[in-house]
Amino acid sequence: MTWVAAVARLRARREPGVLVTVAAVRGHAPRDAGAKLVVGETGTWGSIGGGNVEAVAIDRAREMIAASGPGPELMEFALNDKVPNRHGVQCCGGTVTVLLEPLAVVRAVAVFGVGHVGLELARVLARQDLDLHLVDSRSDILTEERLGVLADAVGRVHVHHTPLLPEEVLAELPRGAHVLIMTHDHAEDAALCDAALRTPHLGSIGLIGSAAKWARFRKRLATEGGHDEAAIDRIKTPIGLADITGKEPATIAVSVAADLLRTFESERG
């Protein structure tokens, strides 16, 4: 498997990893600059030359995966028999600099309702490196022609047509996925709020709508849904930045996206 395919495989499986690259070589070394190795939690793909250099790089890569936070790192190796080595001697005579770049599991966001605001929001979020799930019960909303504006997406877009029970998608979402509820139907929104609170692996839950709408939902979630106050407080509404008050779909979308990105930053912190 090529290193490119290995990186894609880790991303598809939502597994962390580290991309190890020979950044520079002075003198003789087993591999030239540009050689790459992908390290996962249990497997490796490619090679930067074997021996002590590769073994130490793999050890450090696994430490980085376990720590789940360090940024890129450079490691330098002198290839001579006078240097103490953890995994045997390499005496090619040169010096190798290796770059280790963490491959984090990308965030996931699910937008329930791809109407005017939902589509504008998808256009903004698709420019981020994340897994974007678009869910709607209406087939005409999810046509290739309408979603063609996402053709140049940086993130990976997953489309879910759910004519009957859109809330079933919640159980399929990746752990920690952030959910934004903005369908065309208040009954559908209410069912999604209830189901989201019953799906423990989700990240944040956001609901679009007015204070009056939320007052009705909150009462219903408590009386009919049996949710306590702490659980109901997981749902953030209204979503978006409070000081952006425009009602145009694109304006609302930018506000909601900015609020979500702020949530990402707080998680990173």
C-alpha atoms as a PDB file:
ATOM      1  CA  MET A   1       0.000   0.000   0.000  1.00  0.00           C
ATOM      2  CA  THR A   2       1.335   3.450  -0.900  1.00  0.00           C
ATOM      3  CA  TRP A   3       1.677   6.084   1.808  1.00  0.00           C
ATOM      4  CA  VAL A   4      -1.077   8.114   0.135  1.00  0.00           C
ATOM      5  CA  ALA A   5      -3.450   5.152   0.296  1.00  0.00           C
ATOM      6  CA  ALA A   6      -2.435   4.504   3.900  1.00  0.00           C
ATOM      7  CA  VAL A   7      -3.272   8.080   4.920  1.00  0.00           C
ATOM      8  CA  ALA A   8      -6.634   7.785   3.144  1.00  0.00           C
ATOM      9  CA  ARG A   9      -7.287   4.476   4.898  1.00  0.00           C
ATOM     10  CA  LEU A  10      -6.622   5.945   8.338  1.00  0.00           C
ATOM     11  CA  ARG A  11      -8.916   8.868   7.575  1.00  0.00           C
ATOM     12  CA  ALA A  12     -11.704   6.629   6.317  1.00  0.00           C
ATOM     13  CA  ARG A  13     -11.440   4.501   9.452  1.00  0.00           C
ATOM     14  CA  ARG A  14     -11.215   7.612  11.621  1.00  0.00           C
ATOM     15  CA  GLU A  15      -7.970   6.400  13.180  1.00  0.00           C
ATOM     16  CA  PRO A  16      -5.083   8.688  14.202  1.00  0.00           C
ATOM     17  CA  GLY A  17      -1.618   8.307  12.732  1.00  0.00           C
ATOM     18  CA  VAL A  18       1.672  10.027  11.965  1.00  0.00           C
ATOM     19  CA  LEU A  19       3.244  10.730   8.583  1.00  0.00           C
ATOM     20  CA  VAL A  20       7.032  10.325   8.824  1.00  0.00           C
ATOM     21  CA  THR A  21       9.135  11.902   6.059  1.00  0.00           C
ATOM     22  CA  VAL A  22      12.872  11.973   5.469  1.00  0.00           C
ATOM     23  CA  ALA A  23      13.211  15.753   5.363  1.00  0.00           C
ATOM     24  CA  ALA A  24      16.945  16.058   4.693  1.00  0.00           C
ATOM     25  CA  VAL A  25      20.007  13.852   4.185  1.00  0.00           C
ATOM     26  CA  ARG A  26      23.671  14.792   4.486  1.00  0.00           C
ATOM     27  CA  GLY A  27      26.141  12.159   3.353  1.00  0.00           C
ATOM     28  CA  HIS A  28      25.116   8.526   2.978  1.00  0.00           C
ATOM     29  CA  ALA A  29      21.766   7.210   4.259  1.00  0.00           C
ATOM     30  CA  PRO A  30      19.455   4.253   3.551  1.00  0.00           C
ATOM     31  CA  ARG A  31      16.798   6.451   1.877  1.00  0.00           C
ATOM     32  CA  ASP A  32      16.798   9.791   0.106  1.00  0.00           C
ATOM     33  CA  ALA A  33      14.912  12.889   1.207  1.00  0.00           C
ATOM     34  CA  GLY A  34      11.204  12.500   0.521  1.00  0.00           C
ATOM     35  CA  ALA A  35      10.916   8.862   1.594  1.00  0.00           C
ATOM     36  CA  LYS A  36       7.776   8.373   3.675  1.00  0.00           C
ATOM     37  CA  LEU A  37       6.372   6.078   6.330  1.00  0.00           C
ATOM     38  CA  VAL A  38       2.843   6.104   7.756  1.00  0.00           C
ATOM     39  CA  VAL A  39       2.458   4.956  11.349  1.00  0.00           C
ATOM     40  CA  GLY A  40      -0.893   3.935  12.808  1.00  0.00           C
ATOM     41  CA  GLU A  41      -1.771   2.698  16.271  1.00  0.00           C
ATOM     42  CA  THR A  42      -1.047  -0.898  15.248  1.00  0.00           C
ATOM     43  CA  GLY A  43       0.335  -0.907  11.700  1.00  0.00           C
ATOM     44  CA  THR A  44       2.871   0.834   9.480  1.00  0.00           C
ATOM     45  CA  TRP A  45       3.038   1.428   5.743  1.00  0.00           C
ATOM     46  CA  GLY A  46       6.072   2.433   3.685  1.00  0.00           C
ATOM     47  CA  SER A  47       9.651   2.818   4.900  1.00  0.00           C
ATOM     48  CA  ILE A  48      12.258   5.450   5.643  1.00  0.00           C
ATOM     49  CA  GLY A  49      15.101   2.946   5.488  1.00  0.00           C
ATOM     50  CA  GLY A  50      14.613   0.479   8.326  1.00  0.00           C
ATOM     51  CA  GLY A  51      17.065   0.025  11.182  1.00  0.00           C
ATOM     52  CA  ASN A  52      17.395   2.315  14.176  1.00  0.00           C
ATOM     53  CA  VAL A  53      16.129   5.429  12.377  1.00  0.00           C
ATOM     54  CA  GLU A  54      12.850   3.823  11.407  1.00  0.00           C
ATOM     55  CA  ALA A  55      12.360   2.024  14.720  1.00  0.00           C
ATOM     56  CA  VAL A  56      12.943   5.160  16.798  1.00  0.00           C
ATOM     57  CA  ALA A  57      10.660   7.162  14.506  1.00  0.00           C
ATOM     58  CA  ILE A  58       7.913   4.560  14.934  1.00  0.00           C
ATOM     59  CA  ASP A  59       8.356   4.613  18.716  1.00  0.00           C
ATOM     60  CA  ARG A  60       8.059   8.403  18.787  1.00  0.00           C
ATOM     61  CA  ALA A  61       5.112   8.367  16.374  1.00  0.00           C
ATOM     62  CA  ARG A  62       3.218   5.983  18.659  1.00  0.00           C
ATOM     63  CA  GLU A  63       3.973   8.256  21.627  1.00  0.00           C
ATOM     64  CA  MET A  64       2.543  11.181  19.663  1.00  0.00           C
ATOM     65  CA  ILE A  65      -0.590   9.195  18.815  1.00  0.00           C
ATOM     66  CA  ALA A  66      -1.085   8.294  22.479  1.00  0.00           C
ATOM     67  CA  ALA A  67      -0.552  11.905  23.584  1.00  0.00           C
ATOM     68  CA  SER A  68      -3.126  13.141  21.038  1.00  0.00           C
ATOM     69  CA  GLY A  69      -1.906  16.705  20.909  1.00  0.00           C
ATOM     70  CA  PRO A  70       1.711  17.347  19.880  1.00  0.00           C
ATOM     71  CA  GLY A  71       2.427  19.292  16.721  1.00  0.00           C
ATOM     72  CA  PRO A  72       4.955  18.298  14.020  1.00  0.00           C
ATOM     73  CA  GLU A  73       8.430  17.369  15.199  1.00  0.00           C
ATOM     74  CA  LEU A  74      11.905  17.062  13.675  1.00  0.00           C
ATOM     75  CA  MET A  75      14.304  14.310  14.716  1.00  0.00           C
ATOM     76  CA  GLU A  76      17.948  14.129  13.650  1.00  0.00           C
ATOM     77  CA  PHE A  77      19.990  10.931  13.462  1.00  0.00           C
ATOM     78  CA  ALA A  78      23.755  10.597  13.044  1.00  0.00           C
ATOM     79  CA  LEU A  79      24.503   7.337  11.260  1.00  0.00           C
ATOM     80  CA  ASN A  80      27.810   6.227  12.762  1.00  0.00           C
ATOM     81  CA  ASP A  81      29.011   3.610  15.236  1.00  0.00           C
ATOM     82  CA  LYS A  82      29.933   6.210  17.876  1.00  0.00           C
ATOM     83  CA  VAL A  83      26.326   7.205  18.557  1.00  0.00           C
ATOM     84  CA  PRO A  84      24.327   5.174  21.108  1.00  0.00           C
ATOM     85  CA  ASN A  85      21.273   3.700  19.423  1.00  0.00           C
ATOM     86  CA  ARG A  86      18.135   2.215  20.884  1.00  0.00           C
ATOM     87  CA  HIS A  87      17.572  -0.340  18.108  1.00  0.00           C
ATOM     88  CA  GLY A  88      21.016  -1.282  16.808  1.00  0.00           C
ATOM     89  CA  VAL A  89      23.805   0.501  14.929  1.00  0.00           C
ATOM     90  CA  GLN A  90      23.527   2.209  11.545  1.00  0.00           C
ATOM     91  CA  CYS A  91      26.915   3.374  10.295  1.00  0.00           C
ATOM     92  CA  CYS A  92      26.200   4.653   6.791  1.00  0.00           C
ATOM     93  CA  GLY A  93      28.188   7.767   7.674  1.00  0.00           C
ATOM     94  CA  GLY A  94      25.558  10.421   7.011  1.00  0.00           C
ATOM     95  CA  THR A  95      22.983  12.418   8.942  1.00  0.00           C
ATOM     96  CA  VAL A  96      19.246  12.095   8.502  1.00  0.00           C
ATOM     97  CA  THR A  97      16.565  14.583   9.555  1.00  0.00           C
ATOM     98  CA  VAL A  98      13.068  13.155   9.881  1.00  0.00           C
ATOM     99  CA  LEU A  99       9.798  15.102  10.057  1.00  0.00           C
ATOM    100  CA  LEU A 100       6.901  13.591  12.010  1.00  0.00           C
ATOM    101  CA  GLU A 101       3.467  15.070  11.218  1.00  0.00           C
ATOM    102  CA  PRO A 102       0.438  13.973  13.260  1.00  0.00           C
ATOM    103  CA  LEU A 103      -2.586  12.802  11.269  1.00  0.00           C
ATOM    104  CA  ALA A 104      -5.438  13.641  13.589  1.00  0.00           C
ATOM    105  CA  VAL A 105      -8.912  12.191  13.299  1.00  0.00           C
ATOM    106  CA  VAL A 106     -10.882  14.934  11.583  1.00  0.00           C
ATOM    107  CA  ARG A 107     -13.968  16.361  13.215  1.00  0.00           C
ATOM    108  CA  ALA A 108     -17.431  15.351  12.061  1.00  0.00           C
ATOM    109  CA  VAL A 109     -20.437  17.636  11.681  1.00  0.00           C
ATOM    110  CA  ALA A 110     -23.979  16.603  10.779  1.00  0.00           C
ATOM    111  CA  VAL A 111     -26.428  19.146   9.379  1.00  0.00           C
ATOM    112  CA  PHE A 112     -30.029  17.961   9.572  1.00  0.00           C
ATOM    113  CA  GLY A 113     -31.977  19.977   7.039  1.00  0.00           C
ATOM    114  CA  VAL A 114     -30.320  21.176   3.840  1.00  0.00           C
ATOM    115  CA  GLY A 115     -32.746  23.955   2.960  1.00  0.00           C
ATOM    116  CA  HIS A 116     -31.697  27.535   2.250  1.00  0.00           C
ATOM    117  CA  VAL A 117     -29.694  27.981   5.457  1.00  0.00           C
ATOM    118  CA  GLY A 118     -28.494  24.371   5.544  1.00  0.00           C
ATOM    119  CA  LEU A 119     -27.052  24.553   2.040  1.00  0.00           C
ATOM    120  CA  GLU A 120     -25.310  27.867   2.725  1.00  0.00           C
ATOM    121  CA  LEU A 121     -23.909  26.365   5.935  1.00  0.00           C
ATOM    122  CA  ALA A 122     -22.720  23.302   4.029  1.00  0.00           C
ATOM    123  CA  ARG A 123     -20.893  25.569   1.568  1.00  0.00           C
ATOM    124  CA  VAL A 124     -18.981  27.179   4.439  1.00  0.00           C
ATOM    125  CA  LEU A 125     -18.259  24.005   6.401  1.00  0.00           C
ATOM    126  CA  ALA A 126     -17.208  22.075   3.302  1.00  0.00           C
ATOM    127  CA  ARG A 127     -14.184  24.382   3.098  1.00  0.00           C
ATOM    128  CA  GLN A 128     -12.934  22.925   6.401  1.00  0.00           C
ATOM    129  CA  ASP A 129     -11.034  19.657   6.787  1.00  0.00           C
ATOM    130  CA  LEU A 130     -13.832  17.637   8.355  1.00  0.00           C
ATOM    131  CA  ASP A 131     -16.404  14.936   7.636  1.00  0.00           C
ATOM    132  CA  LEU A 132     -19.639  16.723   6.760  1.00  0.00           C
ATOM    133  CA  HIS A 133     -22.885  14.746   6.918  1.00  0.00           C
ATOM    134  CA  LEU A 134     -25.886  16.298   5.173  1.00  0.00           C
ATOM    135  CA  VAL A 135     -29.234  14.781   6.132  1.00  0.00           C
ATOM    136  CA  ASP A 136     -32.669  15.533   4.701  1.00  0.00           C
ATOM    137  CA  SER A 137     -35.965  13.714   4.248  1.00  0.00           C
ATOM    138  CA  ARG A 138     -36.618  15.451   0.902  1.00  0.00           C
ATOM    139  CA  SER A 139     -35.022  13.901  -2.173  1.00  0.00           C
ATOM    140  CA  ASP A 140     -35.344  17.082  -4.266  1.00  0.00           C
ATOM    141  CA  ILE A 141     -33.172  18.926  -1.746  1.00  0.00           C
ATOM    142  CA  LEU A 142     -30.315  16.459  -2.189  1.00  0.00           C
ATOM    143  CA  THR A 143     -30.030  16.324  -5.970  1.00  0.00           C
ATOM    144  CA  GLU A 144     -26.584  16.310  -7.548  1.00  0.00           C
ATOM    145  CA  GLU A 145     -27.429  19.534  -9.346  1.00  0.00           C
ATOM    146  CA  ARG A 146     -28.321  21.355  -6.122  1.00  0.00           C
ATOM    147  CA  LEU A 147     -25.334  20.003  -4.203  1.00  0.00           C
ATOM    148  CA  GLY A 148     -22.998  20.736  -7.086  1.00  0.00           C
ATOM    149  CA  VAL A 149     -21.848  23.881  -5.246  1.00  0.00           C
ATOM    150  CA  LEU A 150     -19.945  21.524  -2.922  1.00  0.00           C
ATOM    151  CA  ALA A 151     -17.933  19.936  -5.725  1.00  0.00           C
ATOM    152  CA  ASP A 152     -14.719  21.683  -4.646  1.00  0.00           C
ATOM    153  CA  ALA A 153     -15.109  20.713  -0.981  1.00  0.00           C
ATOM    154  CA  VAL A 154     -11.977  20.375   1.120  1.00  0.00           C
ATOM    155  CA  GLY A 155     -13.788  18.136   3.592  1.00  0.00           C
ATOM    156  CA  ARG A 156     -15.504  14.854   2.834  1.00  0.00           C
ATOM    157  CA  VAL A 157     -19.241  15.213   2.227  1.00  0.00           C
ATOM    158  CA  HIS A 158     -21.636  12.379   3.089  1.00  0.00           C
ATOM    159  CA  VAL A 159     -25.248  12.695   1.895  1.00  0.00           C
ATOM    160  CA  HIS A 160     -28.078  10.899   3.701  1.00  0.00           C
ATOM    161  CA  HIS A 161     -31.579  10.792   2.224  1.00  0.00           C
ATOM    162  CA  THR A 162     -33.924   9.737   5.031  1.00  0.00           C
ATOM    163  CA  PRO A 163     -37.566   9.889   3.857  1.00  0.00           C
ATOM    164  CA  LEU A 164     -38.974   8.374   7.060  1.00  0.00           C
ATOM    165  CA  LEU A 165     -36.777   8.634  10.149  1.00  0.00           C
ATOM    166  CA  PRO A 166     -33.853  11.051   9.825  1.00  0.00           C
ATOM    167  CA  GLU A 167     -33.059  10.535  13.538  1.00  0.00           C
ATOM    168  CA  GLU A 168     -31.780   7.038  12.692  1.00  0.00           C
ATOM    169  CA  VAL A 169     -28.691   8.679  11.178  1.00  0.00           C
ATOM    170  CA  LEU A 170     -27.650   9.877  14.652  1.00  0.00           C
ATOM    171  CA  ALA A 171     -26.601   6.380  15.720  1.00  0.00           C
ATOM    172  CA  GLU A 172     -24.424   6.065  12.594  1.00  0.00           C
ATOM    173  CA  LEU A 173     -22.477   9.270  13.174  1.00  0.00           C
ATOM    174  CA  PRO A 174     -18.861   9.091  14.385  1.00  0.00           C
ATOM    175  CA  ARG A 175     -18.110   9.529  18.067  1.00  0.00           C
ATOM    176  CA  GLY A 176     -17.974  13.206  18.997  1.00  0.00           C
ATOM    177  CA  ALA A 177     -19.882  14.370  15.917  1.00  0.00           C
ATOM    178  CA  HIS A 178     -21.384  17.839  16.252  1.00  0.00           C
ATOM    179  CA  VAL A 179     -25.071  18.007  15.331  1.00  0.00           C
ATOM    180  CA  LEU A 180     -26.935  21.012  13.905  1.00  0.00           C
ATOM    181  CA  ILE A 181     -30.707  20.666  13.614  1.00  0.00           C
ATOM    182  CA  MET A 182     -32.447  22.952  11.106  1.00  0.00           C
ATOM    183  CA  THR A 183     -35.027  20.975   9.156  1.00  0.00           C
ATOM    184  CA  HIS A 184     -38.109  22.354   7.392  1.00  0.00           C
ATOM    185  CA  ASP A 185     -40.447  20.691   9.892  1.00  0.00           C
ATOM    186  CA  HIS A 186     -40.690  21.565  13.594  1.00  0.00           C
ATOM    187  CA  ALA A 187     -41.997  18.059  14.352  1.00  0.00           C
ATOM    188  CA  GLU A 188     -38.889  16.628  12.713  1.00  0.00           C
ATOM    189  CA  ASP A 189     -36.701  19.018  14.688  1.00  0.00           C
ATOM    190  CA  ALA A 190     -38.381  17.935  17.931  1.00  0.00           C
ATOM    191  CA  ALA A 191     -37.894  14.243  17.175  1.00  0.00           C
ATOM    192  CA  LEU A 192     -34.234  14.878  16.354  1.00  0.00           C
ATOM    193  CA  CYS A 193     -33.674  16.787  19.607  1.00  0.00           C
ATOM    194  CA  ASP A 194     -35.173  13.924  21.596  1.00  0.00           C
ATOM    195  CA  ALA A 195     -33.154  11.292  19.717  1.00  0.00           C
ATOM    196  CA  ALA A 196     -29.938  13.313  19.977  1.00  0.00           C
ATOM    197  CA  LEU A 197     -30.256  13.458  23.767  1.00  0.00           C
ATOM    198  CA  ARG A 198     -30.610   9.669  23.746  1.00  0.00           C
ATOM    199  CA  THR A 199     -27.421   9.238  21.679  1.00  0.00           C
ATOM    200  CA  PRO A 200     -24.561   9.532  24.181  1.00  0.00           C
ATOM    201  CA  HIS A 201     -21.612   9.484  21.772  1.00  0.00           C
ATOM    202  CA  LEU A 202     -22.435  12.822  20.114  1.00  0.00           C
ATOM    203  CA  GLY A 203     -20.590  16.093  20.593  1.00  0.00           C
ATOM    204  CA  SER A 204     -22.451  19.395  20.728  1.00  0.00           C
ATOM    205  CA  ILE A 205     -26.104  19.653  19.711  1.00  0.00           C
ATOM    206  CA  GLY A 206     -27.424  22.871  18.176  1.00  0.00           C
ATOM    207  CA  LEU A 207     -30.980  23.840  17.212  1.00  0.00           C
ATOM    208  CA  ILE A 208     -32.030  26.727  14.992  1.00  0.00           C
ATOM    209  CA  GLY A 209     -35.171  28.631  15.918  1.00  0.00           C
ATOM    210  CA  SER A 210     -36.883  31.214  18.048  1.00  0.00           C
ATOM    211  CA  ALA A 211     -37.236  31.452  21.803  1.00  0.00           C
ATOM    212  CA  ALA A 212     -40.920  30.501  21.489  1.00  0.00           C
ATOM    213  CA  LYS A 213     -40.030  27.361  19.552  1.00  0.00           C
ATOM    214  CA  TRP A 214     -37.445  26.369  22.141  1.00  0.00           C
ATOM    215  CA  ALA A 215     -39.859  26.955  25.036  1.00  0.00           C
ATOM    216  CA  ARG A 216     -42.286  24.463  23.469  1.00  0.00           C
ATOM    217  CA  PHE A 217     -39.499  21.981  22.729  1.00  0.00           C
ATOM    218  CA  ARG A 218     -38.021  22.261  26.206  1.00  0.00           C
ATOM    219  CA  LYS A 219     -41.353  21.528  27.871  1.00  0.00           C
ATOM    220  CA  ARG A 220     -41.991  18.595  25.556  1.00  0.00           C
ATOM    221  CA  LEU A 221     -38.509  17.133  26.093  1.00  0.00           C
ATOM    222  CA  ALA A 222     -39.087  17.213  29.847  1.00  0.00           C
ATOM    223  CA  THR A 223     -42.685  15.996  30.003  1.00  0.00           C
ATOM    224  CA  GLU A 224     -42.945  13.610  27.071  1.00  0.00           C
ATOM    225  CA  GLY A 225     -39.293  12.762  26.604  1.00  0.00           C
ATOM    226  CA  GLY A 226     -38.470  12.351  30.284  1.00  0.00           C
ATOM    227  CA  HIS A 227     -35.193  14.248  29.976  1.00  0.00           C
ATOM    228  CA  ASP A 228     -33.874  16.104  33.008  1.00  0.00           C
ATOM    229  CA  GLU A 229     -32.754  19.728  32.935  1.00  0.00           C
ATOM    230  CA  ALA A 230     -29.062  18.878  32.677  1.00  0.00           C
ATOM    231  CA  ALA A 231     -29.663  16.718  29.612  1.00  0.00           C
ATOM    232  CA  ILE A 232     -31.866  19.312  27.934  1.00  0.00           C
ATOM    233  CA  ASP A 233     -29.194  21.949  28.525  1.00  0.00           C
ATOM    234  CA  ARG A 234     -26.928  20.008  26.144  1.00  0.00           C
ATOM    235  CA  ILE A 235     -28.915  21.535  23.316  1.00  0.00           C
ATOM    236  CA  LYS A 236     -27.711  24.990  22.380  1.00  0.00           C
ATOM    237  CA  THR A 237     -30.286  27.341  20.934  1.00  0.00           C
ATOM    238  CA  PRO A 238     -30.244  29.757  19.289  1.00  0.00           C
ATOM    239  CA  ILE A 239     -27.131  28.814  17.360  1.00  0.00           C
ATOM    240  CA  GLY A 240     -24.761  31.322  15.856  1.00  0.00           C
ATOM    241  CA  LEU A 241     -23.134  34.476  17.177  1.00  0.00           C
ATOM    242  CA  ALA A 242     -25.549  36.640  19.138  1.00  0.00           C
ATOM    243  CA  ASP A 243     -24.232  39.922  17.729  1.00  0.00           C
ATOM    244  CA  ILE A 244     -24.851  38.869  14.120  1.00  0.00           C
ATOM    245  CA  THR A 245     -28.556  39.516  13.652  1.00  0.00           C
ATOM    246  CA  GLY A 246     -29.067  39.332   9.884  1.00  0.00           C
ATOM    247  CA  LYS A 247     -31.725  36.906   8.657  1.00  0.00           C
ATOM    248  CA  GLU A 248     -30.401  36.179   5.165  1.00  0.00           C
ATOM    249  CA  PRO A 249     -29.527  32.468   4.776  1.00  0.00           C
ATOM    250  CA  ALA A 250     -25.879  33.197   3.962  1.00  0.00           C
ATOM    251  CA  THR A 251     -25.545  35.517   6.969  1.00  0.00           C
ATOM    252  CA  ILE A 252     -27.088  32.976   9.325  1.00  0.00           C
ATOM    253  CA  ALA A 253     -24.822  30.286   7.882  1.00  0.00           C
ATOM    254  CA  VAL A 254     -21.657  32.322   8.454  1.00  0.00           C
ATOM    255  CA  SER A 255     -22.776  33.081  12.017  1.00  0.00           C
ATOM    256  CA  VAL A 256     -23.506  29.414  12.785  1.00  0.00           C
ATOM    257  CA  ALA A 257     -20.242  28.257  11.207  1.00  0.00           C
ATOM    258  CA  ALA A 258     -18.239  30.815  13.195  1.00  0.00           C
ATOM    259  CA  ASP A 259     -19.921  29.693  16.409  1.00  0.00           C
ATOM    260  CA  LEU A 260     -19.115  26.067  15.600  1.00  0.00           C
ATOM    261  CA  LEU A 261     -15.481  26.890  14.821  1.00  0.00           C
ATOM    262  CA  ARG A 262     -15.291  28.618  18.190  1.00  0.00           C
ATOM    263  CA  THR A 263     -16.523  25.370  19.753  1.00  0.00           C
ATOM    264  CA  PHE A 264     -13.737  23.526  17.931  1.00  0.00           C
ATOM    265  CA  GLU A 265     -11.190  25.966  19.352  1.00  0.00           C
ATOM    266  CA  SER A 266     -12.476  25.476  22.901  1.00  0.00           C
ATOM    267  CA  GLU A 267     -12.183  21.709  22.475  1.00  0.00           C
ATOM    268  CA  ARG A 268      -8.601  22.084  21.277  1.00  0.00           C
ATOM    269  CA  GLY A 269      -7.823  24.297  24.247  1.00  0.00           C
END
